[in-house]
Amino acid sequence: MRTNRLLKGLKRFFMGLLVFLFVLSLTGIIYQTAAIESDKKNFPPPGNLIDVGGFKMHIHCEGEGSPTVILDALSGGFSSYWAWVQSEVAKQVRVCAYDRAGFGWSESDSEPESPQRTARNLHTLLTNAGIEGPYVMVGHSKGGIYVRKYAALYPQEVVGMVLLDSSHPDQFVRYPELLKGDTPILSKMPLIQTLLRLGVGHAYFALGGEVDFADLPQRQHDEIAAAWSSQEHWWSMESTMLLGADIFQQAHDLGSLGDLPLAVITRGEGVDDGWCEMQNELVSLSTDSIHITVDGSTHSSLIFNPKHAHIVSETILQIVEAVQTGNRLNP
């Protein structure tokens, strides 16, 4: 008799637990759906959506003057990441930040990400948006691979370049452990997607949670938080991570930049001899180059921290001035 009562009690407990979990999950799904709709209303694209052949990409320009500065974000990043840099550079010259396919406000591409596809998408975007060159290309992290590919495909359009703690085409060949850095995130993608579907991402930021972009202006901070709380953003993140080795393999033949004015900016923290060696090799891509290390900076603080971003902005404008005056960076 006592055993039967115990079994009945356990049955009621587990039934109650299942009902609780179901209600909690349903509440989370409803919350996530409402939050996504709110994000669409509160965060419209700050720039323009341009058809690039079957899908639309987002580009946001500020300021006036030539050459036009083009900002290409780090892996998984988009135009909002450049808030500090873009606003400062725009005081002296036209500067455009864009979203690669699948990120920010840009729609997904039917073709897989690659250096050539990304560069051609950007070229079509600039052409169809009526944003004429010449350009100073700025690439952060993996964005450095893409701006170099753009310069290789369209050398007549590129008059200067800034590589911001840029990736090196050989980094995964020389240091395979770098590629393994994505493994923990990829292994957790099913869990991440489940939690996002239940509204955990939106709840995290709504309750005051922060990541490394906390120092950005409030508007851009909230735009990024909304993106990070969406399943679509993490689908694109998973796709780009899975393609990591292939993307870099396709970048081995980028070649030199001749005498193109070039600035290489390197983070000050978390740098080992291997990274320093590869950064120095990037400096040698041009016969007219400078190398700046931002003390105390990390890979992401170069754009998220206002003081570090100020140094980045000044360096970009130094390249712009070199282009405008024709003076060499290294007389």
Protein backbone atom coordinates (compact mmCIF):
# COMPACT_ATOMS: atom_id res chain seq x y z
CA MET A 1 0.00 0.00 0.00
CA ARG A 2 2.80 2.38 0.96
CA THR A 3 4.63 1.51 -2.28
CA ASN A 4 1.52 2.30 -4.35
CA ARG A 5 1.13 5.67 -2.66
CA LEU A 6 4.79 6.41 -3.32
CA LEU A 7 4.44 5.50 -7.00
CA LYS A 8 1.31 7.62 -7.33
CA GLY A 9 3.10 10.51 -5.66
CA LEU A 10 6.07 10.22 -8.02
CA LYS A 11 3.73 10.05 -10.98
CA ARG A 12 1.94 13.23 -9.91
CA PHE A 13 5.30 14.93 -9.34
CA PHE A 14 6.64 14.10 -12.78
CA MET A 15 3.35 14.99 -14.44
CA GLY A 16 3.41 18.32 -12.66
CA LEU A 17 7.04 18.82 -13.68
CA LEU A 18 6.20 18.12 -17.32
CA VAL A 19 3.30 20.56 -17.22
CA PHE A 20 5.53 23.18 -15.61
CA LEU A 21 8.25 22.71 -18.23
CA PHE A 22 5.69 22.85 -21.03
CA VAL A 23 4.17 26.08 -19.70
CA LEU A 24 7.65 27.55 -19.16
CA SER A 25 8.72 26.63 -22.71
CA LEU A 26 5.51 28.00 -24.21
CA THR A 27 5.95 31.23 -22.26
CA GLY A 28 9.53 31.49 -23.52
CA ILE A 29 8.50 30.96 -27.14
CA ILE A 30 5.77 33.59 -26.86
CA TYR A 31 8.23 36.00 -25.23
CA GLN A 32 10.81 35.40 -27.97
CA THR A 33 8.24 35.93 -30.73
CA ALA A 34 7.08 39.20 -29.17
CA ALA A 35 10.67 40.36 -28.61
CA ILE A 36 11.63 39.71 -32.24
CA GLU A 37 8.66 41.72 -33.48
CA SER A 38 9.62 44.51 -31.10
CA ASP A 39 13.21 44.45 -32.37
CA LYS A 40 12.04 44.79 -35.97
CA LYS A 41 10.02 47.85 -35.01
CA ASN A 42 12.62 49.45 -32.74
CA PHE A 43 15.71 48.78 -34.86
CA PRO A 44 15.05 49.46 -38.54
CA PRO A 45 18.14 49.47 -40.78
CA PRO A 46 20.03 52.75 -40.28
CA GLY A 47 21.24 52.66 -43.89
CA ASN A 48 19.89 51.33 -47.17
CA LEU A 49 18.97 47.83 -48.31
CA ILE A 50 20.33 47.29 -51.81
CA ASP A 51 19.56 44.43 -54.20
CA VAL A 52 22.79 42.66 -55.15
CA GLY A 53 21.23 39.98 -57.35
CA GLY A 54 18.60 37.85 -55.68
CA PHE A 55 18.98 39.20 -52.15
CA LYS A 56 19.50 42.52 -50.37
CA MET A 57 22.46 43.82 -48.43
CA HIS A 58 22.64 46.69 -45.97
CA ILE A 59 25.07 49.60 -46.15
CA HIS A 60 25.16 52.71 -43.97
CA CYS A 61 27.14 55.80 -45.01
CA GLU A 62 27.95 58.99 -43.12
CA GLY A 63 30.00 62.09 -43.88
CA GLU A 64 31.28 63.60 -47.12
CA GLY A 65 34.57 63.69 -48.97
CA SER A 66 36.90 61.45 -50.95
CA PRO A 67 38.29 58.83 -50.75
CA THR A 68 35.38 56.88 -49.30
CA VAL A 69 36.28 54.65 -46.36
CA ILE A 70 34.70 51.16 -46.40
CA LEU A 71 34.45 49.30 -43.08
CA ASP A 72 34.45 45.47 -43.11
CA ALA A 73 33.73 43.93 -39.71
CA LEU A 74 35.25 41.00 -37.85
CA SER A 75 33.71 37.52 -38.16
CA GLY A 76 30.05 37.63 -37.14
CA GLY A 77 30.09 41.42 -36.96
CA PHE A 78 28.09 44.02 -38.85
CA SER A 79 27.74 47.76 -39.32
CA SER A 80 26.66 48.58 -35.75
CA TYR A 81 30.04 47.35 -34.47
CA TRP A 82 31.71 50.41 -36.04
CA ALA A 83 29.71 53.03 -34.10
CA TRP A 84 32.69 54.82 -32.49
CA VAL A 85 34.95 54.58 -35.52
CA GLN A 86 32.36 55.57 -38.12
CA SER A 87 31.10 58.62 -36.25
CA GLU A 88 34.63 60.01 -35.81
CA VAL A 89 35.91 59.29 -39.32
CA ALA A 90 32.69 60.77 -40.78
CA LYS A 91 33.69 64.20 -39.43
CA GLN A 92 36.31 64.42 -42.17
CA VAL A 93 35.39 62.02 -44.97
CA ARG A 94 32.64 59.76 -46.27
CA VAL A 95 32.65 56.40 -44.48
CA CYS A 96 30.41 53.39 -45.15
CA ALA A 97 29.87 50.35 -42.94
CA TYR A 98 28.12 47.36 -44.48
CA ASP A 99 26.74 44.02 -43.36
CA ARG A 100 28.03 40.86 -44.99
CA ALA A 101 25.38 38.44 -46.24
CA GLY A 102 23.41 36.87 -43.39
CA PHE A 103 24.46 39.37 -40.73
CA GLY A 104 22.93 42.57 -39.41
CA TRP A 105 20.21 43.69 -41.79
CA SER A 106 21.61 41.89 -44.85
CA GLU A 107 19.73 38.90 -46.18
CA SER A 108 21.38 35.50 -46.56
CA ASP A 109 23.22 34.55 -49.73
CA SER A 110 22.26 31.38 -51.58
CA GLU A 111 25.96 30.74 -52.24
CA PRO A 112 28.45 29.85 -49.49
CA GLU A 113 30.71 32.47 -47.99
CA SER A 114 34.15 32.80 -49.56
CA PRO A 115 36.67 35.61 -50.10
CA GLN A 116 35.77 35.94 -53.76
CA ARG A 117 32.01 35.78 -53.22
CA THR A 118 32.19 38.29 -50.36
CA ALA A 119 34.34 40.73 -52.37
CA ARG A 120 32.09 40.48 -55.42
CA ASN A 121 28.98 40.98 -53.25
CA LEU A 122 30.56 44.13 -51.81
CA HIS A 123 31.47 45.39 -55.28
CA THR A 124 27.89 44.85 -56.49
CA LEU A 125 26.58 46.53 -53.34
CA LEU A 126 28.76 49.62 -53.83
CA THR A 127 27.93 49.81 -57.54
CA ASN A 128 24.18 49.40 -57.11
CA ALA A 129 24.13 51.84 -54.18
CA GLY A 130 25.93 54.46 -56.28
CA ILE A 131 28.86 54.70 -53.84
CA GLU A 132 31.75 55.63 -56.09
CA GLY A 133 35.42 55.11 -55.38
CA PRO A 134 38.21 55.47 -54.83
CA TYR A 135 38.12 53.55 -51.55
CA VAL A 136 40.21 53.16 -48.44
CA MET A 137 39.37 49.65 -47.28
CA VAL A 138 39.36 48.86 -43.54
CA GLY A 139 39.20 45.21 -42.49
CA HIS A 140 38.96 43.97 -38.91
CA SER A 141 40.03 40.38 -38.19
CA LYS A 142 38.58 38.18 -40.97
CA GLY A 143 37.43 41.39 -42.63
CA GLY A 144 41.11 41.94 -43.41
CA ILE A 145 41.06 38.88 -45.66
CA TYR A 146 38.03 40.23 -47.50
CA VAL A 147 39.35 43.75 -48.10
CA ARG A 148 42.60 42.29 -49.43
CA LYS A 149 40.58 40.10 -51.80
CA TYR A 150 38.62 43.17 -52.89
CA ALA A 151 41.89 44.99 -53.65
CA ALA A 152 43.13 41.96 -55.62
CA LEU A 153 39.95 41.85 -57.74
CA TYR A 154 39.49 45.61 -58.15
CA PRO A 155 42.93 47.20 -57.72
CA GLN A 156 41.96 50.33 -59.65
CA GLU A 157 39.34 51.16 -57.01
CA VAL A 158 41.45 50.80 -53.85
CA VAL A 159 43.85 53.60 -52.91
CA GLY A 160 44.58 52.77 -49.27
CA MET A 161 44.07 50.06 -46.67
CA VAL A 162 43.90 49.55 -42.89
CA LEU A 163 44.24 46.03 -41.49
CA LEU A 164 42.85 46.03 -37.96
CA ASP A 165 44.29 43.12 -35.96
CA SER A 166 43.74 41.32 -39.24
CA SER A 167 43.63 37.61 -39.85
CA HIS A 168 46.50 36.09 -41.81
CA PRO A 169 45.73 33.65 -44.64
CA ASP A 170 48.20 31.10 -43.21
CA GLN A 171 47.18 31.33 -39.57
CA PHE A 172 45.28 28.03 -39.44
CA VAL A 173 48.05 26.22 -41.31
CA ARG A 174 50.76 27.47 -38.97
CA TYR A 175 48.65 27.34 -35.83
CA PRO A 176 45.87 24.73 -36.16
CA GLU A 177 44.92 25.29 -32.54
CA LEU A 178 43.42 28.64 -33.56
CA LEU A 179 40.80 26.82 -35.62
CA LYS A 180 39.92 24.69 -32.63
CA GLY A 181 38.74 27.82 -30.85
CA ASP A 182 35.40 27.53 -32.66
CA THR A 183 34.88 23.89 -31.64
CA PRO A 184 33.35 24.55 -28.19
CA ILE A 185 30.84 27.00 -29.66
CA LEU A 186 29.94 24.71 -32.57
CA SER A 187 29.38 21.80 -30.20
CA LYS A 188 26.96 23.94 -28.18
CA MET A 189 25.02 25.30 -31.17
CA PRO A 190 21.97 23.00 -30.66
CA LEU A 191 21.74 24.17 -27.03
CA ILE A 192 22.27 27.82 -28.01
CA GLN A 193 19.50 27.61 -30.61
CA THR A 194 17.13 25.98 -28.11
CA LEU A 195 17.79 28.65 -25.49
CA LEU A 196 17.34 31.44 -28.03
CA ARG A 197 14.04 29.95 -29.18
CA LEU A 198 12.90 30.10 -25.56
CA GLY A 199 13.79 33.79 -25.26
CA VAL A 200 16.84 33.33 -23.03
CA GLY A 201 18.98 35.70 -25.13
CA HIS A 202 16.52 38.56 -24.92
CA ALA A 203 15.97 37.89 -21.21
CA TYR A 204 19.73 37.92 -20.58
CA PHE A 205 20.16 41.42 -22.00
CA ALA A 206 16.86 42.67 -20.57
CA LEU A 207 18.09 41.70 -17.08
CA GLY A 208 21.32 43.65 -17.50
CA GLY A 209 23.60 40.97 -18.92
CA GLU A 210 26.51 42.20 -21.01
CA VAL A 211 29.10 40.90 -23.46
CA ASP A 212 32.18 42.68 -24.82
CA PHE A 213 30.27 45.41 -26.69
CA ALA A 214 28.97 47.06 -23.51
CA ASP A 215 30.93 50.29 -24.14
CA LEU A 216 29.28 51.07 -27.47
CA PRO A 217 26.70 53.88 -27.72
CA GLN A 218 23.31 52.72 -26.43
CA ARG A 219 21.64 52.54 -29.83
CA GLN A 220 24.26 50.34 -31.45
CA HIS A 221 24.64 48.29 -28.28
CA ASP A 222 20.93 47.46 -28.35
CA GLU A 223 21.04 46.65 -32.07
CA ILE A 224 23.81 44.12 -31.48
CA ALA A 225 22.06 42.68 -28.43
CA ALA A 226 18.93 42.15 -30.53
CA ALA A 227 20.97 40.38 -33.21
CA TRP A 228 22.75 38.19 -30.67
CA SER A 229 19.34 37.19 -29.27
CA SER A 230 18.07 35.92 -32.62
CA GLN A 231 18.37 32.43 -34.03
CA GLU A 232 19.11 33.82 -37.52
CA HIS A 233 22.31 35.48 -36.33
CA TRP A 234 23.59 32.25 -34.82
CA TRP A 235 22.65 30.22 -37.90
CA SER A 236 24.91 32.55 -39.87
CA MET A 237 27.58 32.28 -37.17
CA GLU A 238 27.50 28.49 -37.38
CA SER A 239 27.77 28.60 -41.16
CA THR A 240 30.79 30.93 -41.18
CA MET A 241 32.54 28.91 -38.46
CA LEU A 242 32.09 25.65 -40.37
CA LEU A 243 33.60 27.28 -43.46
CA GLY A 244 36.56 28.73 -41.56
CA ALA A 245 39.39 26.55 -42.90
CA ASP A 246 38.05 26.66 -46.47
CA ILE A 247 37.75 30.45 -46.42
CA PHE A 248 41.37 30.88 -45.38
CA GLN A 249 42.57 28.24 -47.83
CA GLN A 250 41.11 30.34 -50.64
CA ALA A 251 43.04 33.40 -49.46
CA HIS A 252 46.58 32.10 -49.91
CA ASP A 253 47.12 33.79 -53.28
CA LEU A 254 46.24 37.36 -52.33
CA GLY A 255 49.74 38.67 -53.00
CA SER A 256 51.29 42.03 -52.12
CA LEU A 257 49.84 45.53 -52.16
CA GLY A 258 52.73 47.19 -53.98
CA ASP A 259 53.17 50.76 -52.66
CA LEU A 260 49.56 51.16 -51.50
CA PRO A 261 49.37 53.26 -48.30
CA LEU A 262 48.83 50.63 -45.60
CA ALA A 263 48.35 50.76 -41.84
CA VAL A 264 48.46 47.61 -39.74
CA ILE A 265 46.96 48.00 -36.28
CA THR A 266 47.62 45.25 -33.72
CA ARG A 267 46.02 44.66 -30.34
CA GLY A 268 48.19 45.09 -27.25
CA GLU A 269 46.88 42.27 -25.07
CA GLY A 270 46.87 38.51 -25.62
CA VAL A 271 49.52 38.65 -28.33
CA ASP A 272 52.06 35.84 -28.71
CA ASP A 273 55.13 35.59 -30.94
CA GLY A 274 53.18 33.81 -33.68
CA TRP A 275 50.59 36.58 -33.95
CA CYS A 276 53.29 39.26 -33.90
CA GLU A 277 55.13 37.46 -36.69
CA MET A 278 52.03 37.32 -38.85
CA GLN A 279 51.19 40.97 -38.17
CA ASN A 280 54.71 41.97 -39.22
CA GLU A 281 54.25 40.01 -42.43
CA LEU A 282 51.10 42.01 -43.13
CA VAL A 283 53.10 45.22 -42.68
CA SER A 284 55.51 44.02 -45.38
CA LEU A 285 52.67 43.67 -47.92
CA SER A 286 53.29 47.29 -48.95
CA THR A 287 56.44 49.34 -49.39
CA ASP A 288 54.58 52.28 -47.84
CA SER A 289 53.23 51.03 -44.51
CA ILE A 290 53.06 51.78 -40.81
CA HIS A 291 52.49 49.46 -37.85
CA ILE A 292 50.68 50.58 -34.71
CA THR A 293 50.13 48.56 -31.52
CA VAL A 294 47.34 49.85 -29.27
CA ASP A 295 48.49 49.35 -25.69
CA GLY A 296 45.98 47.64 -23.44
CA SER A 297 43.63 46.76 -26.29
CA THR A 298 42.04 43.42 -27.09
CA HIS A 299 40.86 42.08 -30.43
CA SER A 300 37.36 43.47 -29.91
CA SER A 301 38.12 46.54 -27.76
CA LEU A 302 39.82 48.11 -30.80
CA ILE A 303 36.32 49.03 -31.97
CA PHE A 304 34.19 48.69 -28.82
CA ASN A 305 36.31 50.77 -26.43
CA PRO A 306 36.00 54.49 -27.24
CA LYS A 307 39.65 55.27 -26.41
CA HIS A 308 40.98 52.41 -28.52
CA ALA A 309 38.52 53.18 -31.31
CA HIS A 310 39.78 56.78 -31.30
CA ILE A 311 43.29 55.56 -32.11
CA VAL A 312 41.87 53.37 -34.88
CA SER A 313 39.93 56.33 -36.28
CA GLU A 314 43.00 58.59 -36.24
CA THR A 315 44.99 55.94 -38.09
CA ILE A 316 42.29 55.56 -40.74
CA LEU A 317 42.33 59.32 -41.24
CA GLN A 318 46.12 59.21 -41.50
CA ILE A 319 45.75 56.86 -44.47
CA VAL A 320 43.06 59.11 -45.94
CA GLU A 321 45.39 62.11 -45.64
CA ALA A 322 48.22 60.18 -47.31
CA VAL A 323 45.91 59.42 -50.23
CA GLN A 324 44.68 63.00 -50.47
CA THR A 325 48.14 64.60 -50.34
CA GLY A 326 50.14 61.93 -52.15
CA ASN A 327 52.67 61.95 -49.31
CA ARG A 328 54.28 58.69 -48.26
CA LEU A 329 53.64 57.27 -44.80
CA ASN A 330 57.36 56.44 -44.57
CA PRO A 331 59.30 59.26 -46.32
